[in-house]
Amino acid sequence: MTDLDTFRAETRAWLEANCPPEMRTPARSEKDTVWGGRDQSMLTPAQKQWMDAMGARGWTVPDWPKEYGGGGLSPAETKILREEMRALGCRNPLNSFGISMLGPALLKYGNEAQKKEHLPKIARGEIRWCQGYSEPNAGSDLAALATSAEDKGDHFLVNGQKVWTSYADHADWIFCLVRTDKSVKQAGISFLLFDMASEGVSTKPILLISGYSPFCETFFDNVKVPKENLVHELNKGWDVAKYLLGHEREMISGMGLGLSSGGTLVDNVIDRLGLDAEGRLADPILRTQIALHEVRAKAFAAMSEKFIDDLKAGKAHPAQPSMMKYYGTELNKSRHELEMAAGGSDSLEWESARSNNGAAPRAWLRTKANSIEGGTSEVQLNIISKRILELPDR
């Protein structure tokens, strides 16, 4: 056996011994998603057991260095771990903006003290993070942000507002873009970290059309932030912001693979409609539409795997996350539209035990935000046309 064969066998054995049976079934609702954080009372015993076991091994972030709470695995070993988890049906032990966005940015731009302070806590699911980017007058034009951080000697004094702050009402800390120089746009922005329990921080949920509220308005009223919480250099936060956005768009693109949904599209439709005497879905048009979607999803999965390999090898095109984000969000919207179509009028049920409190229509409505969050689809298409296709400006 090669070293990788041995690693695969040992990994499979460890997963079989340590992943609770409850964590080997598809996630069916938001309650099945583990975000970690200070309030661990929200977790079921199986969720906590699985998160703690993977965190202790560093496998919530398998390719991070061991000194920062990671597993220290090579790209090939990380790929094997993901494959074996999929083979056993293991759920992701921890979903975290700290893992998908802040962690990579700190690994590249953070100083040693910041890495040692924050990264192990992210890896173990001890702190839950939110992202303070968009503002009421600075969405697609993010560089127009106005939230200010005034230098007060040993600390910054932060004042302003953020909007569409995902799960701000549940987060422990925030990574936040602030203006430290009003005379310029991108060159006057800094990147700060601070505790959401700080005096002067408040949040207000934004009710969405789906009836759920993952987003919030976030307000800062004379919030004191220690100087050591500045990441990278003063007025150089735009460098960190752009790097982090690439990882955010990669995360959002994963929706196209159904990574945040329970079960496959085919399984969900079969569960709802059943099969005919020939073992097929009775509706030929629906069969064709689902088959086309699945072909596109398989192609996207292959492209995603290649992109991740290129990214780890430092060969990925810097605009590729925009391509992944755009296509992934379109696939996710298509998936939920097909599930709604398969259910017919039953899919419109909004509040009932049979419909799991309207899970299907609420999820379908939620996907409409995919083409806005993390950079609108229009912005992504502009980036693709200019930086990948090299088309001229009109």
Protein backbone atom coordinates (compact mmCIF):
# COMPACT_ATOMS: atom_id res chain seq x y z
CA MET A 1 0.00 0.00 0.00
CA THR A 2 1.13 3.56 -0.70
CA ASP A 3 1.16 6.18 2.03
CA LEU A 4 -2.08 7.62 0.65
CA ASP A 5 -3.70 4.17 0.60
CA THR A 6 -2.74 3.73 4.24
CA PHE A 7 -4.07 7.19 5.07
CA ARG A 8 -7.37 6.39 3.33
CA ALA A 9 -7.81 3.12 5.23
CA GLU A 10 -6.98 4.72 8.58
CA THR A 11 -9.24 7.70 7.86
CA ARG A 12 -12.17 5.47 6.92
CA ALA A 13 -11.72 3.43 10.10
CA TRP A 14 -11.55 6.55 12.27
CA LEU A 15 -14.65 8.08 10.67
CA GLU A 16 -16.61 4.85 11.10
CA ALA A 17 -15.65 4.72 14.76
CA ASN A 18 -16.20 8.41 15.60
CA CYS A 19 -19.01 9.78 13.44
CA PRO A 20 -22.30 9.29 15.34
CA PRO A 21 -25.11 7.60 13.36
CA GLU A 22 -27.20 10.78 13.62
CA MET A 23 -24.46 12.66 11.77
CA ARG A 24 -24.62 10.25 8.82
CA THR A 25 -28.04 11.36 7.62
CA PRO A 26 -28.71 14.34 5.32
CA ALA A 27 -29.33 17.68 7.02
CA ARG A 28 -33.02 18.52 6.73
CA SER A 29 -33.30 21.97 8.27
CA GLU A 30 -31.39 24.92 9.66
CA LYS A 31 -31.32 23.16 13.04
CA ASP A 32 -29.15 20.44 11.50
CA THR A 33 -26.45 23.00 10.66
CA VAL A 34 -23.66 23.38 13.24
CA TRP A 35 -22.18 26.88 13.47
CA GLY A 36 -20.40 26.57 16.81
CA GLY A 37 -19.95 29.61 19.04
CA ARG A 38 -20.01 30.48 22.71
CA ASP A 39 -23.54 29.16 23.18
CA GLN A 40 -23.08 25.41 22.82
CA SER A 41 -26.49 24.70 24.35
CA MET A 42 -27.99 24.91 20.85
CA LEU A 43 -26.21 21.72 19.80
CA THR A 44 -27.56 18.19 20.15
CA PRO A 45 -25.27 15.69 21.91
CA ALA A 46 -24.43 14.05 18.56
CA GLN A 47 -23.64 17.39 16.91
CA LYS A 48 -21.32 18.40 19.74
CA GLN A 49 -19.66 14.99 19.84
CA TRP A 50 -18.95 15.10 16.11
CA MET A 51 -17.72 18.72 16.12
CA ASP A 52 -15.48 18.12 19.14
CA ALA A 53 -14.03 14.90 17.71
CA MET A 54 -13.20 16.49 14.36
CA GLY A 55 -11.96 19.67 16.01
CA ALA A 56 -9.61 17.78 18.32
CA ARG A 57 -8.09 16.09 15.27
CA GLY A 58 -7.88 19.37 13.35
CA TRP A 59 -10.18 17.99 10.66
CA THR A 60 -12.72 20.81 10.73
CA VAL A 61 -9.94 22.64 8.85
CA PRO A 62 -7.81 19.71 7.65
CA ASP A 63 -5.45 21.72 5.44
CA TRP A 64 -4.66 24.44 8.00
CA PRO A 65 -1.29 24.20 9.81
CA LYS A 66 -1.38 22.20 13.04
CA GLU A 67 -0.02 25.12 15.07
CA TYR A 68 -3.26 27.02 14.32
CA GLY A 69 -5.67 24.20 15.12
CA GLY A 70 -5.68 22.54 11.71
CA GLY A 71 -4.94 19.00 10.63
CA GLY A 72 -1.79 19.82 8.69
CA LEU A 73 -2.93 17.57 5.84
CA SER A 74 -1.61 17.77 2.31
CA PRO A 75 -4.02 18.64 -0.53
CA ALA A 76 -4.14 14.94 -1.50
CA GLU A 77 -4.91 13.87 2.08
CA THR A 78 -7.57 16.56 2.45
CA LYS A 79 -9.22 15.31 -0.74
CA ILE A 80 -9.22 11.74 0.59
CA LEU A 81 -10.81 12.89 3.85
CA ARG A 82 -13.61 14.65 1.94
CA GLU A 83 -14.15 11.58 -0.24
CA GLU A 84 -14.38 9.22 2.73
CA MET A 85 -16.78 11.55 4.54
CA ARG A 86 -19.03 11.60 1.46
CA ALA A 87 -18.83 7.82 1.14
CA LEU A 88 -20.06 7.39 4.73
CA GLY A 89 -22.60 10.20 4.47
CA CYS A 90 -20.87 12.21 7.21
CA ARG A 91 -22.23 15.71 7.66
CA ASN A 92 -19.90 18.67 7.75
CA PRO A 93 -19.07 18.90 11.48
CA LEU A 94 -18.85 22.69 11.48
CA ASN A 95 -20.09 25.46 9.18
CA SER A 96 -18.36 28.73 9.91
CA PHE A 97 -17.63 32.08 8.29
CA GLY A 98 -14.46 31.83 10.34
CA ILE A 99 -13.47 28.73 8.39
CA SER A 100 -14.66 29.74 4.93
CA MET A 101 -13.74 33.44 4.96
CA LEU A 102 -11.85 34.92 7.91
CA GLY A 103 -9.48 31.98 8.45
CA PRO A 104 -7.88 32.10 4.99
CA ALA A 105 -7.56 35.89 5.26
CA LEU A 106 -5.84 35.65 8.66
CA LEU A 107 -3.49 32.94 7.40
CA LYS A 108 -2.38 35.32 4.65
CA TYR A 109 -2.58 38.75 6.30
CA GLY A 110 -2.79 38.24 10.08
CA ASN A 111 0.18 38.63 12.39
CA GLU A 112 1.35 35.73 14.52
CA ALA A 113 -0.50 36.90 17.65
CA GLN A 114 -3.78 37.19 15.72
CA LYS A 115 -3.36 33.75 14.16
CA LYS A 116 -2.68 32.07 17.49
CA GLU A 117 -5.52 33.92 19.21
CA HIS A 118 -8.29 33.36 16.68
CA LEU A 119 -7.57 30.43 14.37
CA PRO A 120 -7.60 27.59 16.98
CA LYS A 121 -10.92 28.89 18.37
CA ILE A 122 -12.36 28.92 14.84
CA ALA A 123 -11.13 25.38 14.22
CA ARG A 124 -12.71 24.10 17.45
CA GLY A 125 -16.00 25.94 16.88
CA GLU A 126 -15.61 28.04 20.01
CA ILE A 127 -16.28 31.43 18.38
CA ARG A 128 -18.87 32.23 15.72
CA TRP A 129 -18.08 35.07 13.32
CA CYS A 130 -20.13 37.40 11.12
CA GLN A 131 -19.08 39.67 8.27
CA GLY A 132 -19.40 43.46 8.38
CA TYR A 133 -19.11 44.54 4.75
CA SER A 134 -22.29 45.89 3.07
CA GLU A 135 -23.89 49.16 4.15
CA PRO A 136 -27.18 50.89 3.21
CA ASN A 137 -25.30 53.02 0.64
CA ALA A 138 -22.43 50.66 -0.11
CA GLY A 139 -23.48 47.31 -1.54
CA SER A 140 -22.11 46.55 -5.00
CA ASP A 141 -20.02 49.71 -4.61
CA LEU A 142 -18.50 48.42 -1.41
CA ALA A 143 -15.62 50.89 -1.54
CA ALA A 144 -18.14 53.66 -0.80
CA LEU A 145 -18.56 52.40 2.77
CA ALA A 146 -18.85 55.07 5.44
CA THR A 147 -18.60 53.24 8.80
CA SER A 148 -15.70 55.05 10.45
CA ALA A 149 -12.93 54.08 12.83
CA GLU A 150 -11.35 57.09 14.53
CA ASP A 151 -7.84 56.74 15.96
CA LYS A 152 -7.98 57.38 19.71
CA GLY A 153 -4.42 56.46 20.58
CA ASP A 154 -4.65 52.98 22.09
CA HIS A 155 -7.93 52.10 20.37
CA PHE A 156 -10.23 52.89 17.45
CA LEU A 157 -13.69 54.36 17.99
CA VAL A 158 -16.11 52.79 15.49
CA ASN A 159 -19.37 54.43 14.40
CA GLY A 160 -21.74 53.52 11.60
CA GLN A 161 -24.04 50.82 10.26
CA LYS A 162 -23.80 47.58 8.31
CA VAL A 163 -26.66 45.77 6.58
CA TRP A 164 -27.37 42.21 5.39
CA THR A 165 -25.05 40.98 8.14
CA SER A 166 -25.72 37.24 8.08
CA TYR A 167 -26.48 35.81 11.55
CA ALA A 168 -25.18 38.91 13.32
CA ASP A 169 -27.71 38.28 16.08
CA HIS A 170 -26.04 34.92 16.80
CA ALA A 171 -22.38 35.84 16.19
CA ASP A 172 -19.74 36.28 18.87
CA TRP A 173 -17.25 38.36 16.84
CA ILE A 174 -17.29 40.37 13.61
CA PHE A 175 -14.67 41.00 10.91
CA CYS A 176 -15.47 44.48 9.71
CA LEU A 177 -14.44 46.95 7.02
CA VAL A 178 -14.16 50.51 8.34
CA ARG A 179 -13.10 53.83 6.90
CA THR A 180 -9.90 55.23 8.41
CA ASP A 181 -9.22 57.82 5.69
CA LYS A 182 -12.10 59.81 4.17
CA SER A 183 -10.04 61.42 1.42
CA VAL A 184 -9.81 58.26 -0.73
CA LYS A 185 -12.00 55.19 -1.41
CA GLN A 186 -10.24 51.79 -1.48
CA ALA A 187 -7.01 53.19 -0.06
CA GLY A 188 -8.79 54.55 3.02
CA ILE A 189 -10.31 51.30 4.33
CA SER A 190 -9.05 49.14 7.20
CA PHE A 191 -9.96 45.64 8.41
CA LEU A 192 -10.88 45.27 12.10
CA LEU A 193 -11.90 42.38 14.37
CA PHE A 194 -14.03 42.95 17.44
CA ASP A 195 -16.34 41.29 19.93
CA MET A 196 -20.07 41.63 19.22
CA ALA A 197 -20.59 41.89 22.99
CA SER A 198 -18.69 45.20 22.99
CA GLU A 199 -20.58 48.18 24.36
CA GLY A 200 -22.27 50.09 21.54
CA VAL A 201 -22.93 47.11 19.22
CA SER A 202 -26.56 46.28 18.44
CA THR A 203 -28.39 44.22 15.81
CA LYS A 204 -31.86 44.18 14.27
CA PRO A 205 -33.09 41.18 12.22
CA ILE A 206 -34.35 41.81 8.67
CA LEU A 207 -37.42 39.74 7.88
CA LEU A 208 -37.18 38.16 4.42
CA ILE A 209 -39.95 37.11 2.04
CA SER A 210 -39.31 33.49 3.08
CA GLY A 211 -40.41 34.34 6.61
CA TYR A 212 -36.94 33.62 8.00
CA SER A 213 -34.31 36.13 9.03
CA PRO A 214 -30.67 35.15 8.61
CA PHE A 215 -29.80 38.79 7.85
CA CYS A 216 -29.52 41.74 10.21
CA GLU A 217 -28.87 45.43 10.39
CA THR A 218 -25.86 46.01 12.62
CA PHE A 219 -25.19 49.32 14.40
CA PHE A 220 -22.00 50.67 15.97
CA ASP A 221 -22.25 53.54 18.45
CA ASN A 222 -18.85 54.61 19.81
CA VAL A 223 -17.51 51.04 19.89
CA LYS A 224 -13.99 50.81 21.31
CA VAL A 225 -11.75 48.40 19.37
CA PRO A 226 -8.18 47.70 20.59
CA LYS A 227 -5.44 48.62 18.13
CA GLU A 228 -4.11 45.06 18.12
CA ASN A 229 -7.32 43.99 16.35
CA LEU A 230 -6.27 45.75 13.14
CA VAL A 231 -5.48 43.11 10.50
CA HIS A 232 -2.71 43.89 8.01
CA GLU A 233 -1.86 47.60 7.77
CA LEU A 234 -3.83 50.77 8.41
CA ASN A 235 -5.69 51.81 5.24
CA LYS A 236 -4.75 48.52 3.56
CA GLY A 237 -7.94 46.67 4.43
CA TRP A 238 -9.09 46.57 0.81
CA ASP A 239 -6.34 44.03 0.10
CA VAL A 240 -7.74 41.76 2.83
CA ALA A 241 -11.33 42.41 1.71
CA LYS A 242 -10.69 41.35 -1.89
CA TYR A 243 -8.86 38.19 -0.84
CA LEU A 244 -11.63 37.26 1.57
CA LEU A 245 -14.33 37.89 -1.07
CA GLY A 246 -12.73 35.27 -3.29
CA HIS A 247 -13.14 32.69 -0.54
CA GLU A 248 -16.70 33.88 0.19
CA ARG A 249 -17.66 33.42 -3.44
CA GLU A 250 -16.11 29.97 -3.44
CA MET A 251 -18.23 29.12 -0.36
CA ILE A 252 -21.44 30.43 -1.97
CA SER A 253 -20.71 28.49 -5.16
CA GLY A 254 -20.95 25.29 -3.09
CA MET A 255 -24.71 25.83 -3.00
CA GLY A 256 -24.74 24.66 -6.60
CA LEU A 257 -23.59 21.25 -5.41
CA GLY A 258 -26.47 21.05 -2.93
CA LEU A 259 -23.99 21.10 -0.05
CA SER A 260 -26.39 23.07 2.14
CA SER A 261 -29.46 21.02 1.28
CA GLY A 262 -30.73 17.69 2.55
CA GLY A 263 -30.62 14.83 0.06
CA THR A 264 -30.13 15.00 -3.71
CA LEU A 265 -32.63 16.56 -6.10
CA VAL A 266 -33.49 13.12 -7.51
CA ASP A 267 -34.03 11.59 -4.06
CA ASN A 268 -36.18 14.51 -2.91
CA VAL A 269 -38.40 14.36 -5.99
CA ILE A 270 -38.75 10.58 -5.75
CA ASP A 271 -39.67 10.89 -2.07
CA ARG A 272 -42.40 13.31 -3.03
CA LEU A 273 -43.77 11.73 -6.23
CA GLY A 274 -42.71 8.09 -6.14
CA LEU A 275 -41.93 5.99 -9.23
CA ASP A 276 -44.16 4.40 -11.85
CA ALA A 277 -44.40 0.66 -12.66
CA GLU A 278 -41.25 0.93 -14.78
CA GLY A 279 -39.25 2.48 -11.97
CA ARG A 280 -39.28 5.99 -13.48
CA LEU A 281 -40.77 9.35 -12.69
CA ALA A 282 -44.03 9.39 -14.59
CA ASP A 283 -43.72 12.92 -16.00
CA PRO A 284 -41.34 12.80 -19.03
CA ILE A 285 -40.82 16.58 -19.09
CA LEU A 286 -39.86 16.64 -15.42
CA ARG A 287 -37.53 13.66 -15.98
CA THR A 288 -35.80 15.55 -18.79
CA GLN A 289 -35.45 18.73 -16.76
CA ILE A 290 -34.01 16.87 -13.78
CA ALA A 291 -31.61 14.92 -15.99
CA LEU A 292 -30.34 18.15 -17.56
CA HIS A 293 -29.91 19.71 -14.14
CA GLU A 294 -27.99 16.67 -12.87
CA VAL A 295 -25.66 16.72 -15.89
CA ARG A 296 -24.92 20.38 -15.27
CA ALA A 297 -24.39 19.72 -11.57
CA LYS A 298 -21.94 16.89 -12.31
CA ALA A 299 -19.99 19.14 -14.69
CA PHE A 300 -19.96 21.90 -12.08
CA ALA A 301 -18.74 19.45 -9.42
CA ALA A 302 -15.85 18.40 -11.67
CA MET A 303 -14.99 22.03 -12.36
CA SER A 304 -15.19 22.82 -8.64
CA GLU A 305 -12.78 20.01 -7.81
CA LYS A 306 -10.31 21.24 -10.43
CA PHE A 307 -10.62 24.80 -9.17
CA ILE A 308 -9.87 23.74 -5.59
CA ASP A 309 -6.84 21.75 -6.79
CA ASP A 310 -5.62 24.77 -8.79
CA LEU A 311 -6.26 27.06 -5.82
CA LYS A 312 -4.22 24.90 -3.45
CA ALA A 313 -1.42 24.78 -6.04
CA GLY A 314 -1.51 28.55 -6.52
CA LYS A 315 -2.54 28.21 -10.17
CA ALA A 316 -6.15 29.42 -10.03
CA HIS A 317 -7.17 32.49 -12.02
CA PRO A 318 -7.94 35.31 -9.56
CA ALA A 319 -11.34 35.88 -11.18
CA GLN A 320 -12.34 32.22 -11.11
CA PRO A 321 -14.28 32.52 -7.82
CA SER A 322 -16.63 34.92 -9.64
CA MET A 323 -17.31 32.29 -12.30
CA MET A 324 -17.88 29.62 -9.66
CA LYS A 325 -20.11 31.88 -7.60
CA TYR A 326 -22.28 32.87 -10.55
CA TYR A 327 -22.84 29.38 -11.91
CA GLY A 328 -23.23 27.82 -8.47
CA THR A 329 -25.99 30.22 -7.48
CA GLU A 330 -27.81 29.64 -10.78
CA LEU A 331 -27.66 25.87 -10.21
CA ASN A 332 -28.99 26.25 -6.68
CA LYS A 333 -31.92 28.34 -7.88
CA SER A 334 -32.62 25.79 -10.63
CA ARG A 335 -32.55 22.93 -8.13
CA HIS A 336 -35.16 24.52 -5.87
CA GLU A 337 -37.33 25.58 -8.80
CA LEU A 338 -37.45 21.94 -9.95
CA GLU A 339 -38.37 20.76 -6.46
CA MET A 340 -41.19 23.30 -6.40
CA ALA A 341 -42.36 22.21 -9.86
CA ALA A 342 -42.32 18.55 -8.82
CA GLY A 343 -44.57 19.29 -5.85
CA GLY A 344 -47.21 21.13 -7.86
CA SER A 345 -49.75 23.01 -5.76
CA ASP A 346 -48.63 21.12 -2.64
CA SER A 347 -45.37 23.07 -2.85
CA LEU A 348 -47.25 26.22 -1.96
CA GLU A 349 -48.08 24.94 1.53
CA TRP A 350 -46.67 27.48 3.96
CA GLU A 351 -47.54 26.29 7.45
CA SER A 352 -48.29 22.64 8.07
CA ALA A 353 -46.71 19.57 9.60
CA ARG A 354 -46.95 17.79 6.25
CA SER A 355 -44.83 20.45 4.52
CA ASN A 356 -42.40 20.79 7.45
CA ASN A 357 -43.64 24.34 8.00
CA GLY A 358 -43.34 25.18 4.30
CA ALA A 359 -39.70 24.10 4.02
CA ALA A 360 -39.74 23.82 0.21
CA PRO A 361 -41.24 27.23 -0.67
CA ARG A 362 -39.26 29.01 2.02
CA ALA A 363 -35.99 27.47 0.76
CA TRP A 364 -36.95 28.33 -2.84
CA LEU A 365 -37.60 31.96 -1.92
CA ARG A 366 -34.33 32.11 0.02
CA THR A 367 -32.36 31.15 -3.12
CA LYS A 368 -33.37 34.44 -4.74
CA ALA A 369 -30.83 36.16 -2.50
CA ASN A 370 -28.02 33.94 -3.83
CA SER A 371 -27.60 36.14 -6.88
CA ILE A 372 -27.19 39.22 -4.66
CA GLU A 373 -25.12 38.14 -1.64
CA GLY A 374 -21.37 37.94 -1.96
CA GLY A 375 -21.48 40.24 -5.00
CA THR A 376 -24.41 40.46 -7.41
CA SER A 377 -24.58 38.25 -10.49
CA GLU A 378 -24.27 41.38 -12.65
CA VAL A 379 -20.98 42.28 -10.95
CA GLN A 380 -19.70 38.71 -11.32
CA LEU A 381 -20.54 38.69 -15.04
CA ASN A 382 -18.67 41.99 -15.48
CA ILE A 383 -15.63 40.51 -13.75
CA ILE A 384 -15.80 37.37 -15.91
CA SER A 385 -16.13 39.37 -19.13
CA LYS A 386 -13.21 41.67 -18.30
CA ARG A 387 -10.75 39.41 -16.51
CA ILE A 388 -11.38 35.96 -17.98
CA LEU A 389 -12.85 36.62 -21.44
CA GLU A 390 -10.91 39.90 -21.78
CA LEU A 391 -13.81 41.60 -23.53
CA PRO A 392 -13.59 45.38 -24.07
CA ASP A 393 -15.69 47.82 -22.06
CA ARG A 394 -18.81 48.92 -23.90
